[in-house]
């Protein structure tokens, strides 16, 4: 094997015709013979290019609705033959097999077909067979053969040919092969994942996952960790599909926290009024609703102003100028919203480092999806926590039933608690969080921390009493003992929403009755680790 390999004969067979004519013309100008199939050949020929059909090479017409056209020794022999192996060369000569030095293939649009909601049979018909087989063959023989699977690589290929007098380097072919195998791997992952879902196989024997590089990152959670951001091809509104209007490049932590913020604010439908969520280190430090977006932001900010500094802000309605003016008053890393008006953009233009992301709507909090978590030696897979409860789902277990105001605040607190790291405690008053306790090993400690934060904010805001006075409290899992519940009552909470299910539920309910609390059970917990 030599480092440089000439490109004299190319096979072009693509589903996405973007750039095909320009590529074909550029190759022909460099003296490359063009082979092609079906629609690709037709496109090239109509552009005035001299192209030979694969059917002419194989001696067999395309058949079975195009299912069989390239699965033939005349094609695969041309791709797989080792140019420095005398036996291979002899076989090529004996059977009249010409070498194929360049393969350009992009696959049937299976992922796009699934995304459009096509039926089972249509999806099956969009599974490519010949394409992946040729790609894998060419990639295996990258010592001599170039394989291009992405339109984005056309220019790089032509530049390489120009730099080396119609030849390519081994290093270049290696990179193409790596990309080719990743593409077929991702394609197979998409097919197998779709089939598992179609057949309702929640735990198939093998599960393949794949992603497409969206961004290389300066580093991961810490500067000594390398990192990159990959997308999974889904159209779910959020950080992966948002358009960045301005600001520095997103970091690993920015992406992680922005996802947490937007998923949380998406719990609150725009039709029910403006809502704002402020996130720090993947935990909410303030969430609120109000009559205006500006007021929703201010109420969320007043839950924990200290933690909000350098945080991530998510809004459930398009950002307006008045809200942007308030946000610009402190250092903020990222703002994400389903749109932003000209006034808001003008305000943020003066904040060059602030990242503004806009999305096409909100995420659907009830949409089914899979969540993956890496562990040593493998990964865990679970359904996304899309659990929802309404007032009719709640069971009142205390002598006192909650008031309408308490019920509304409890449902609000429950939505927030779902997005707080366990053990999670959330105090809410009048549609705004007033204390959040997250990630503690003891639930009672989360109750105390959330109450203490409210006390600190009362002092900062010049209030006569913490806003936990007259609040409700949500717990993401049951109270194992009455102590956490009583701590919340001491902080001023008057009503409690929690899953129930403890062996000591009766003790906890009795303690609530003695303290004059109203308590409802959801029958659903929201652990978040």
Protein backbone atom coordinates (compact mmCIF):
# COMPACT_ATOMS: atom_id res chain seq x y z
CA UNK A 1 0.00 0.00 0.00
CA UNK A 2 1.20 3.47 -0.87
CA UNK A 3 0.10 6.62 0.93
CA UNK A 4 -1.33 8.27 -2.19
CA UNK A 5 -4.11 6.58 -4.16
CA UNK A 6 -5.44 7.92 -7.48
CA UNK A 7 -9.13 8.50 -8.15
CA UNK A 8 -9.92 7.46 -11.70
CA UNK A 9 -13.36 5.88 -11.37
CA UNK A 10 -16.22 6.89 -9.09
CA UNK A 11 -19.63 5.46 -8.24
CA UNK A 12 -22.22 8.07 -7.26
CA UNK A 13 -25.53 6.83 -5.83
CA UNK A 14 -27.30 9.29 -3.56
CA UNK A 15 -30.76 9.82 -2.12
CA UNK A 16 -30.07 13.49 -1.31
CA UNK A 17 -29.16 15.11 -4.63
CA UNK A 18 -27.86 18.31 -3.02
CA UNK A 19 -24.56 19.25 -4.69
CA UNK A 20 -24.57 16.14 -6.89
CA UNK A 21 -24.34 17.93 -10.23
CA UNK A 22 -21.53 20.21 -9.05
CA UNK A 23 -19.63 17.23 -7.66
CA UNK A 24 -20.13 15.17 -10.80
CA UNK A 25 -19.01 18.04 -13.00
CA UNK A 26 -15.93 18.68 -10.83
CA UNK A 27 -14.93 15.00 -10.94
CA UNK A 28 -15.44 14.79 -14.70
CA UNK A 29 -13.25 17.86 -15.16
CA UNK A 30 -10.53 16.00 -13.26
CA UNK A 31 -10.78 13.04 -15.64
CA UNK A 32 -12.76 10.75 -13.34
CA UNK A 33 -15.08 8.20 -14.97
CA UNK A 34 -18.58 8.38 -13.51
CA UNK A 35 -20.77 5.38 -12.66
CA UNK A 36 -24.22 5.86 -11.17
CA UNK A 37 -27.63 4.37 -10.47
CA UNK A 38 -31.28 5.26 -11.01
CA UNK A 39 -32.21 8.82 -10.12
CA UNK A 40 -28.60 9.87 -9.57
CA UNK A 41 -27.64 8.79 -13.09
CA UNK A 42 -30.67 10.57 -14.51
CA UNK A 43 -29.79 13.81 -12.67
CA UNK A 44 -26.19 13.72 -13.88
CA UNK A 45 -27.14 12.86 -17.43
CA UNK A 46 -29.71 15.66 -17.63
CA UNK A 47 -26.94 18.03 -16.55
CA UNK A 48 -25.01 17.00 -19.66
CA UNK A 49 -22.50 14.72 -17.94
CA UNK A 50 -21.25 11.45 -19.40
CA UNK A 51 -22.26 8.78 -16.91
CA UNK A 52 -22.46 4.98 -17.14
CA UNK A 53 -25.30 3.11 -15.46
CA UNK A 54 -24.31 0.44 -12.96
CA UNK A 55 -26.65 -1.87 -14.87
CA UNK A 56 -24.26 -1.62 -17.83
CA UNK A 57 -21.38 -2.67 -15.58
CA UNK A 58 -23.14 -5.58 -13.87
CA UNK A 59 -25.03 -6.82 -16.93
CA UNK A 60 -28.20 -6.92 -14.82
CA UNK A 61 -30.98 -4.34 -14.86
CA UNK A 62 -32.25 -2.75 -11.68
CA UNK A 63 -35.02 -5.05 -10.46
CA UNK A 64 -37.58 -5.56 -7.73
CA UNK A 65 -38.47 -1.86 -7.55
CA UNK A 66 -34.81 -0.93 -7.25
CA UNK A 67 -34.16 -3.25 -4.31
CA UNK A 68 -31.48 -5.06 -6.29
CA UNK A 69 -29.03 -3.01 -8.31
CA UNK A 70 -25.59 -2.75 -6.67
CA UNK A 71 -25.43 -6.11 -4.84
CA UNK A 72 -23.15 -7.65 -7.46
CA UNK A 73 -19.47 -8.77 -7.71
CA UNK A 74 -18.82 -6.20 -10.44
CA UNK A 75 -19.54 -3.50 -7.85
CA UNK A 76 -18.28 -5.05 -4.65
CA UNK A 77 -15.26 -6.56 -6.34
CA UNK A 78 -14.35 -3.09 -7.59
CA UNK A 79 -14.68 -1.71 -4.08
CA UNK A 80 -13.03 -4.51 -2.09
CA UNK A 81 -10.12 -5.57 -4.31
CA UNK A 82 -6.69 -4.93 -2.76
CA UNK A 83 -4.70 -3.10 -5.39
CA UNK A 84 -1.40 -4.53 -4.15
CA UNK A 85 -2.55 -8.16 -4.03
CA UNK A 86 -1.66 -10.15 -7.17
CA UNK A 87 -4.42 -12.70 -6.60
CA UNK A 88 -7.02 -9.94 -6.34
CA UNK A 89 -5.70 -8.26 -9.47
CA UNK A 90 -5.79 -11.56 -11.33
CA UNK A 91 -9.43 -12.13 -10.29
CA UNK A 92 -10.33 -8.65 -11.44
CA UNK A 93 -8.68 -9.27 -14.80
CA UNK A 94 -10.27 -12.70 -15.20
CA UNK A 95 -13.79 -11.44 -14.52
CA UNK A 96 -13.52 -8.01 -16.09
CA UNK A 97 -13.99 -6.15 -12.80
CA UNK A 98 -12.90 -2.51 -12.91
CA UNK A 99 -11.65 -0.79 -9.73
CA UNK A 100 -13.88 1.78 -8.05
CA UNK A 101 -11.68 4.37 -6.35
CA UNK A 102 -14.40 6.64 -4.99
CA UNK A 103 -17.84 5.83 -3.62
CA UNK A 104 -20.29 8.65 -2.95
CA UNK A 105 -23.44 7.42 -1.23
CA UNK A 106 -26.04 8.87 1.09
CA UNK A 107 -28.74 6.58 2.33
CA UNK A 108 -32.50 6.33 1.92
CA UNK A 109 -34.08 8.90 4.27
CA UNK A 110 -35.20 6.42 6.91
CA UNK A 111 -34.89 8.80 9.86
CA UNK A 112 -36.85 11.52 8.05
CA UNK A 113 -39.54 9.01 7.08
CA UNK A 114 -39.99 7.96 10.70
CA UNK A 115 -40.01 11.58 11.87
CA UNK A 116 -42.91 12.30 9.50
CA UNK A 117 -44.97 9.61 11.21
CA UNK A 118 -45.05 7.23 8.25
CA UNK A 119 -46.67 3.81 8.63
CA UNK A 120 -44.81 0.58 9.31
CA UNK A 121 -44.65 -0.63 5.69
CA UNK A 122 -43.46 2.76 4.40
CA UNK A 123 -40.69 2.83 6.99
CA UNK A 124 -39.61 -0.67 6.01
CA UNK A 125 -39.40 0.38 2.36
CA UNK A 126 -37.09 3.22 3.36
CA UNK A 127 -34.49 0.93 4.90
CA UNK A 128 -31.47 1.05 2.60
CA UNK A 129 -29.68 -2.24 1.88
CA UNK A 130 -27.31 -1.72 -1.04
CA UNK A 131 -26.07 1.63 0.24
CA UNK A 132 -24.80 0.44 3.64
CA UNK A 133 -23.30 -2.68 2.02
CA UNK A 134 -21.28 -0.57 -0.44
CA UNK A 135 -20.29 1.94 2.24
CA UNK A 136 -18.96 -0.78 4.53
CA UNK A 137 -17.09 -2.43 1.68
CA UNK A 138 -15.44 0.81 0.58
CA UNK A 139 -14.64 1.81 4.15
CA UNK A 140 -13.02 -1.54 4.85
CA UNK A 141 -10.80 -1.05 1.81
CA UNK A 142 -9.85 2.54 2.69
CA UNK A 143 -6.24 1.64 2.00
CA UNK A 144 -7.21 2.30 -1.62
CA UNK A 145 -10.82 3.53 -1.75
CA UNK A 146 -12.44 6.82 -0.74
CA UNK A 147 -15.97 6.74 0.64
CA UNK A 148 -18.04 9.91 1.08
CA UNK A 149 -21.39 9.74 2.88
CA UNK A 150 -22.09 13.41 3.67
CA UNK A 151 -22.70 16.32 1.30
CA UNK A 152 -20.58 18.42 3.68
CA UNK A 153 -17.49 16.43 2.61
CA UNK A 154 -17.74 17.11 -1.13
CA UNK A 155 -15.59 20.25 -0.99
CA UNK A 156 -13.00 18.56 1.22
CA UNK A 157 -12.72 15.73 -1.29
CA UNK A 158 -12.17 18.09 -4.21
CA UNK A 159 -9.62 20.09 -2.24
CA UNK A 160 -7.75 16.88 -1.42
CA UNK A 161 -7.69 15.85 -5.08
CA UNK A 162 -6.38 19.26 -6.11
CA UNK A 163 -3.71 19.22 -3.42
CA UNK A 164 -2.35 15.84 -4.54
CA UNK A 165 -2.74 15.86 -8.33
CA UNK A 166 -5.90 13.72 -8.47
CA UNK A 167 -4.91 11.50 -5.55
CA UNK A 168 -5.82 11.27 -1.87
CA UNK A 169 -3.71 10.56 1.19
CA UNK A 170 -4.14 7.56 3.47
CA UNK A 171 -4.94 9.84 6.43
CA UNK A 172 -7.74 11.46 4.44
CA UNK A 173 -9.19 8.09 3.47
CA UNK A 174 -9.01 6.94 7.09
CA UNK A 175 -11.10 9.90 8.20
CA UNK A 176 -13.64 9.21 5.48
CA UNK A 177 -13.84 5.56 6.54
CA UNK A 178 -14.38 6.51 10.18
CA UNK A 179 -17.23 8.80 9.20
CA UNK A 180 -18.67 6.12 6.93
CA UNK A 181 -18.80 3.45 9.64
CA UNK A 182 -20.30 5.96 12.08
CA UNK A 183 -23.01 6.74 9.53
CA UNK A 184 -23.97 3.12 8.92
CA UNK A 185 -23.85 2.52 12.67
CA UNK A 186 -26.19 5.45 13.29
CA UNK A 187 -28.47 4.26 10.50
CA UNK A 188 -28.71 0.77 11.99
CA UNK A 189 -29.32 2.32 15.41
CA UNK A 190 -32.21 4.35 13.99
CA UNK A 191 -33.73 1.26 12.36
CA UNK A 192 -33.36 -0.99 15.40
CA UNK A 193 -34.62 1.72 17.75
CA UNK A 194 -37.66 2.31 15.56
CA UNK A 195 -38.41 -1.41 15.34
CA UNK A 196 -38.13 -1.82 19.12
CA UNK A 197 -40.68 0.94 19.55
CA UNK A 198 -42.93 -0.36 16.76
CA UNK A 199 -42.93 -3.84 18.32
CA UNK A 200 -43.34 -2.44 21.86
CA UNK A 201 -40.05 -3.96 22.99
CA UNK A 202 -39.15 -1.87 26.03
CA UNK A 203 -35.97 -3.83 26.72
CA UNK A 204 -34.60 -5.35 23.48
CA UNK A 205 -31.66 -7.71 23.80
CA UNK A 206 -29.36 -5.15 22.21
CA UNK A 207 -29.86 -1.40 22.08
CA UNK A 208 -27.85 0.85 19.78
CA UNK A 209 -27.66 4.61 20.23
CA UNK A 210 -26.14 7.21 17.96
CA UNK A 211 -25.74 10.93 17.60
CA UNK A 212 -24.46 13.54 15.17
CA UNK A 213 -21.80 16.00 16.22
CA UNK A 214 -23.33 19.42 16.76
CA UNK A 215 -20.45 21.11 18.51
CA UNK A 216 -17.01 20.40 19.88
CA UNK A 217 -16.72 21.98 23.32
CA UNK A 218 -13.77 23.71 24.93
CA UNK A 219 -14.04 21.27 27.83
CA UNK A 220 -16.56 19.33 29.89
CA UNK A 221 -17.74 20.01 33.42
CA UNK A 222 -14.15 20.93 34.30
CA UNK A 223 -11.25 22.23 32.17
CA UNK A 224 -9.33 18.92 32.32
CA UNK A 225 -12.26 17.02 30.73
CA UNK A 226 -12.72 16.84 26.97
CA UNK A 227 -16.28 17.12 25.67
CA UNK A 228 -18.55 17.38 22.64
CA UNK A 229 -22.27 17.86 22.01
CA UNK A 230 -24.20 15.39 19.85
CA UNK A 231 -27.81 15.59 18.69
CA UNK A 232 -30.11 12.60 18.29
CA UNK A 233 -32.07 13.84 15.28
CA UNK A 234 -35.34 14.45 17.12
CA UNK A 235 -37.27 17.66 16.57
CA UNK A 236 -38.11 18.28 20.25
CA UNK A 237 -37.89 22.02 21.01
CA UNK A 238 -35.00 22.75 23.36
CA UNK A 239 -31.30 23.45 23.52
CA UNK A 240 -30.43 20.94 20.78
CA UNK A 241 -32.79 22.49 18.21
CA UNK A 242 -32.70 26.13 19.33
CA UNK A 243 -31.19 28.88 17.20
CA UNK A 244 -28.52 30.95 18.93
CA UNK A 245 -29.17 34.63 18.24
CA UNK A 246 -26.15 36.03 20.03
CA UNK A 247 -23.47 35.41 22.63
CA UNK A 248 -20.46 33.21 23.20
CA UNK A 249 -20.36 29.56 22.28
CA UNK A 250 -22.30 27.37 24.68
CA UNK A 251 -20.26 25.35 27.17
CA UNK A 252 -20.93 21.83 28.46
CA UNK A 253 -22.48 23.20 31.65
CA UNK A 254 -24.49 25.80 29.68
CA UNK A 255 -26.04 23.08 27.53
CA UNK A 256 -26.82 20.86 30.50
CA UNK A 257 -28.39 23.66 32.53
CA UNK A 258 -30.28 25.16 29.57
CA UNK A 259 -31.86 21.79 28.90
CA UNK A 260 -32.96 21.57 32.54
CA UNK A 261 -34.39 25.10 32.44
CA UNK A 262 -36.34 24.68 29.22
CA UNK A 263 -37.75 21.28 30.19
CA UNK A 264 -39.00 22.82 33.43
CA UNK A 265 -40.59 25.94 31.93
CA UNK A 266 -42.27 23.75 29.30
CA UNK A 267 -44.40 22.31 32.12
CA UNK A 268 -46.31 25.61 32.08
CA UNK A 269 -48.53 26.13 29.04
CA UNK A 270 -48.32 29.65 27.56
CA UNK A 271 -52.12 29.78 27.39
CA UNK A 272 -52.20 29.68 31.19
CA UNK A 273 -50.01 32.77 31.45
CA UNK A 274 -46.34 33.80 31.41
CA UNK A 275 -43.88 31.66 33.36
CA UNK A 276 -40.17 31.87 34.10
CA UNK A 277 -37.66 29.34 35.43
CA UNK A 278 -34.17 30.23 36.65
CA UNK A 279 -31.70 27.35 36.86
CA UNK A 280 -28.33 27.02 38.56
CA UNK A 281 -26.32 23.80 38.32
CA UNK A 282 -29.34 21.95 36.85
CA UNK A 283 -31.58 22.86 39.82
CA UNK A 284 -34.26 25.55 39.81
CA UNK A 285 -33.51 28.47 42.13
CA UNK A 286 -36.71 30.29 41.18
CA UNK A 287 -39.88 29.55 39.22
CA UNK A 288 -42.95 31.74 38.91
CA UNK A 289 -46.06 32.68 36.99
CA UNK A 290 -47.52 36.16 36.70
CA UNK A 291 -49.68 38.37 34.52
CA UNK A 292 -46.67 39.58 32.54
CA UNK A 293 -43.41 37.95 31.57
CA UNK A 294 -41.48 40.69 33.36
CA UNK A 295 -43.34 40.05 36.60
CA UNK A 296 -42.87 36.27 36.24
CA UNK A 297 -39.13 36.83 35.94
CA UNK A 298 -39.02 39.21 38.92
CA UNK A 299 -40.99 36.81 41.13
CA UNK A 300 -38.72 33.93 40.14
CA UNK A 301 -35.66 36.11 40.78
CA UNK A 302 -36.94 37.04 44.24
CA UNK A 303 -36.95 33.40 45.34
CA UNK A 304 -33.14 33.28 45.49
CA UNK A 305 -31.33 36.28 44.05
CA UNK A 306 -27.93 35.02 45.15
CA UNK A 307 -28.18 31.74 43.24
CA UNK A 308 -29.72 33.44 40.20
CA UNK A 309 -26.44 35.28 39.53
CA UNK A 310 -24.80 33.57 36.56
CA UNK A 311 -27.82 31.35 36.03
CA UNK A 312 -29.90 30.14 33.08
CA UNK A 313 -33.30 31.70 32.40
CA UNK A 314 -36.08 29.93 30.50
CA UNK A 315 -39.36 31.58 29.49
CA UNK A 316 -42.57 30.01 28.22
CA UNK A 317 -43.45 32.97 25.99
CA UNK A 318 -41.44 35.11 23.55
CA UNK A 319 -39.02 37.46 25.29
CA UNK A 320 -40.04 41.12 25.23
CA UNK A 321 -38.05 44.30 25.76
CA UNK A 322 -39.32 45.04 29.27
CA UNK A 323 -38.36 41.58 30.52
CA UNK A 324 -35.00 41.78 28.75
CA UNK A 325 -34.27 45.08 30.54
CA UNK A 326 -34.79 43.42 33.92
CA UNK A 327 -32.73 40.34 33.01
CA UNK A 328 -29.90 42.55 31.80
CA UNK A 329 -29.59 43.95 35.31
CA UNK A 330 -27.56 40.98 36.53
CA UNK A 331 -25.03 38.59 35.00
CA UNK A 332 -26.87 35.79 33.20
CA UNK A 333 -25.29 32.99 31.17
CA UNK A 334 -28.16 31.95 28.87
CA UNK A 335 -31.72 33.01 28.11
CA UNK A 336 -33.91 30.57 26.16
CA UNK A 337 -37.43 31.33 24.98
CA UNK A 338 -39.86 30.51 22.16
CA UNK A 339 -38.96 33.70 20.34
CA UNK A 340 -37.68 37.21 21.11
CA UNK A 341 -38.93 40.54 19.78
CA UNK A 342 -36.77 43.30 18.29
CA UNK A 343 -36.78 45.32 21.51
CA UNK A 344 -35.46 42.37 23.50
CA UNK A 345 -32.75 41.68 20.96
CA UNK A 346 -31.68 45.32 21.02
CA UNK A 347 -31.36 45.21 24.82
CA UNK A 348 -29.28 42.04 24.77
CA UNK A 349 -27.08 43.31 21.93
CA UNK A 350 -25.21 45.34 24.53
CA UNK A 351 -24.50 42.14 26.46
CA UNK A 352 -22.07 40.50 24.04
CA UNK A 353 -21.39 37.44 26.20
CA UNK A 354 -25.02 36.67 27.04
CA UNK A 355 -26.30 33.76 24.96
CA UNK A 356 -29.83 34.19 23.61
CA UNK A 357 -31.49 31.05 22.23
CA UNK A 358 -34.86 30.95 20.51
CA UNK A 359 -36.93 27.84 19.90
CA UNK A 360 -39.91 26.83 17.82
CA UNK A 361 -42.40 26.48 20.66
CA UNK A 362 -42.13 24.58 23.94
CA UNK A 363 -41.33 20.95 24.59
CA UNK A 364 -44.24 18.61 25.31
CA UNK A 365 -43.83 17.54 28.95
CA UNK A 366 -46.03 14.48 28.39
CA UNK A 367 -44.14 13.24 25.31
CA UNK A 368 -42.67 9.76 25.67
CA UNK A 369 -38.90 9.40 25.26
CA UNK A 370 -35.97 7.38 26.56
CA UNK A 371 -33.34 8.65 28.99
CA UNK A 372 -29.83 7.20 29.13
CA UNK A 373 -27.36 7.38 32.01
CA UNK A 374 -23.79 6.15 31.78
CA UNK A 375 -22.46 3.87 34.52
CA UNK A 376 -19.17 1.98 34.67
CA UNK A 377 -19.40 -0.88 32.20
CA UNK A 378 -22.73 0.08 30.69
CA UNK A 379 -25.65 2.43 30.79
CA UNK A 380 -29.12 2.62 32.28
CA UNK A 381 -32.16 3.24 30.10
CA UNK A 382 -35.51 4.43 31.38
CA UNK A 383 -38.62 6.19 30.17
CA UNK A 384 -38.50 9.96 30.49
CA UNK A 385 -40.42 11.16 33.54
CA UNK A 386 -43.50 12.45 31.73
CA UNK A 387 -45.80 11.81 34.68
CA UNK A 388 -48.55 14.38 35.18
CA UNK A 389 -51.17 14.83 37.90
CA UNK A 390 -54.28 17.00 38.05
CA UNK A 391 -56.53 17.98 40.93
CA UNK A 392 -58.76 14.99 40.24
CA UNK A 393 -55.81 12.63 40.76
CA UNK A 394 -55.10 13.88 44.28
CA UNK A 395 -56.29 12.15 47.43
CA UNK A 396 -57.03 14.34 50.44
CA UNK A 397 -55.91 12.41 53.55
CA UNK A 398 -56.21 15.04 56.29
CA UNK A 399 -59.21 16.33 58.21
CA UNK A 400 -58.83 19.70 56.53
CA UNK A 401 -59.14 19.86 52.75
CA UNK A 402 -56.98 22.39 50.91
CA UNK A 403 -58.46 25.68 49.75
CA UNK A 404 -58.64 26.49 46.04
CA UNK A 405 -55.56 28.74 46.40
CA UNK A 406 -53.63 26.02 48.21
CA UNK A 407 -54.63 23.46 45.58
CA UNK A 408 -53.42 25.68 42.73
CA UNK A 409 -50.12 26.31 44.50
CA UNK A 410 -49.65 22.62 45.28
CA UNK A 411 -50.07 21.65 41.64
CA UNK A 412 -47.57 24.37 40.70
CA UNK A 413 -45.10 23.16 43.36
CA UNK A 414 -45.50 19.58 42.19
CA UNK A 415 -44.50 20.50 38.63
CA UNK A 416 -41.40 22.25 39.93
CA UNK A 417 -40.45 19.44 42.34
CA UNK A 418 -40.33 17.06 39.38
CA UNK A 419 -37.31 19.03 38.12
CA UNK A 420 -35.43 19.39 41.42
CA UNK A 421 -32.69 16.92 42.34
CA UNK A 422 -33.69 14.54 45.14
CA UNK A 423 -34.33 14.88 47.97
CA UNK A 424 -36.50 17.75 46.70
CA UNK A 425 -38.56 20.19 48.76
CA UNK A 426 -40.32 23.14 47.13
CA UNK A 427 -42.23 25.90 48.94
CA UNK A 428 -44.68 27.87 46.76
CA UNK A 429 -46.88 30.87 47.48
CA UNK A 430 -49.24 32.51 45.01
CA UNK A 431 -47.74 30.85 41.94
CA UNK A 432 -44.06 31.41 42.75
CA UNK A 433 -41.39 29.37 44.47
CA UNK A 434 -40.30 30.92 47.77
CA UNK A 435 -37.84 28.25 48.88
CA UNK A 436 -36.15 25.30 47.17
CA UNK A 437 -34.17 22.55 48.86
CA UNK A 438 -32.33 20.23 46.48
CA UNK A 439 -30.01 17.26 46.40
CA UNK A 440 -29.75 16.56 50.11
CA UNK A 441 -29.21 13.13 51.62
CA UNK A 442 -31.92 13.85 54.22
CA UNK A 443 -35.38 15.13 53.36
CA UNK A 444 -35.60 17.09 56.58
CA UNK A 445 -32.37 18.88 55.63
CA UNK A 446 -33.95 19.89 52.30
CA UNK A 447 -36.92 21.30 54.26
CA UNK A 448 -34.57 23.31 56.48
CA UNK A 449 -32.39 24.59 53.64
CA UNK A 450 -35.39 25.73 51.60
CA UNK A 451 -36.83 27.52 54.63
CA UNK A 452 -33.48 29.14 55.44
CA UNK A 453 -33.17 30.45 51.87
CA UNK A 454 -36.59 32.05 52.24
CA UNK A 455 -35.48 33.68 55.50
CA UNK A 456 -32.38 35.08 53.80
CA UNK A 457 -34.42 36.50 50.93
CA UNK A 458 -36.90 38.08 53.36
CA UNK A 459 -34.02 39.93 54.95
CA UNK A 460 -32.66 41.01 51.56
CA UNK A 461 -36.07 42.21 50.37
CA UNK A 462 -36.89 43.94 53.64
CA UNK A 463 -39.92 41.76 54.36
CA UNK A 464 -41.36 41.40 57.84
CA UNK A 465 -41.57 37.60 57.49
CA UNK A 466 -40.34 34.91 55.10
CA UNK A 467 -42.64 34.15 52.17
CA UNK A 468 -42.87 30.56 53.34
CA UNK A 469 -45.47 31.90 55.79
CA UNK A 470 -48.74 30.88 54.20
CA UNK A 471 -47.07 28.76 51.53
CA UNK A 472 -47.60 25.18 50.41
CA UNK A 473 -44.84 22.59 50.18
CA UNK A 474 -44.16 19.80 47.72
CA UNK A 475 -41.98 16.77 48.41
CA UNK A 476 -40.82 14.65 45.47
CA UNK A 477 -41.10 11.45 47.55
CA UNK A 478 -42.87 10.44 50.74
CA UNK A 479 -41.99 11.77 54.17
CA UNK A 480 -40.48 8.76 55.97
CA UNK A 481 -41.05 10.42 59.35
CA UNK A 482 -43.13 13.37 60.56
CA UNK A 483 -39.99 15.49 61.20
CA UNK A 484 -39.71 16.87 57.65
CA UNK A 485 -43.40 17.69 57.54
CA UNK A 486 -43.22 19.48 60.92
CA UNK A 487 -40.16 21.44 59.76
CA UNK A 488 -42.22 22.67 56.81
CA UNK A 489 -45.08 23.58 59.13
CA UNK A 490 -42.66 25.54 61.36
CA UNK A 491 -41.56 27.44 58.23
CA UNK A 492 -45.17 28.48 57.74
CA UNK A 493 -46.47 25.98 55.19
CA UNK A 494 -50.21 25.35 55.46
CA UNK A 495 -50.64 22.54 52.91
CA UNK A 496 -48.56 19.62 51.66
CA UNK A 497 -48.43 17.62 48.42
CA UNK A 498 -46.45 14.39 48.43
CA UNK A 499 -46.64 10.90 46.92
CA UNK A 500 -47.39 8.91 50.07
CA UNK A 501 -46.49 5.24 50.32
CA UNK A 502 -44.42 5.24 53.52
CA UNK A 503 -44.90 2.58 56.19
CA UNK A 504 -45.43 5.56 58.50
CA UNK A 505 -48.02 7.38 56.38
CA UNK A 506 -50.50 7.17 59.27
CA UNK A 507 -48.02 8.89 61.61
CA UNK A 508 -47.32 11.61 59.04
CA UNK A 509 -51.04 12.17 58.41
CA UNK A 510 -51.71 12.36 62.14
CA UNK A 511 -48.92 14.92 62.54
CA UNK A 512 -50.39 16.98 59.70
CA UNK A 513 -53.82 16.91 61.34
CA UNK A 514 -52.36 17.97 64.68
CA UNK A 515 -50.55 20.88 62.97
CA UNK A 516 -53.73 21.91 61.13
CA UNK A 517 -52.23 21.19 57.71
CA UNK A 518 -54.07 20.08 54.60
CA UNK A 519 -52.31 17.24 52.80
CA UNK A 520 -52.89 15.48 49.51
CA UNK A 521 -51.22 12.39 48.08
CA UNK A 522 -50.31 12.01 44.40
CA UNK A 523 -49.52 8.29 44.33
CA UNK A 524 -46.60 9.22 42.06
CA UNK A 525 -43.06 10.17 43.01
CA UNK A 526 -40.52 12.21 41.07
CA UNK A 527 -37.03 11.07 42.11
CA UNK A 528 -34.39 12.87 40.05
CA UNK A 529 -30.76 11.89 40.48
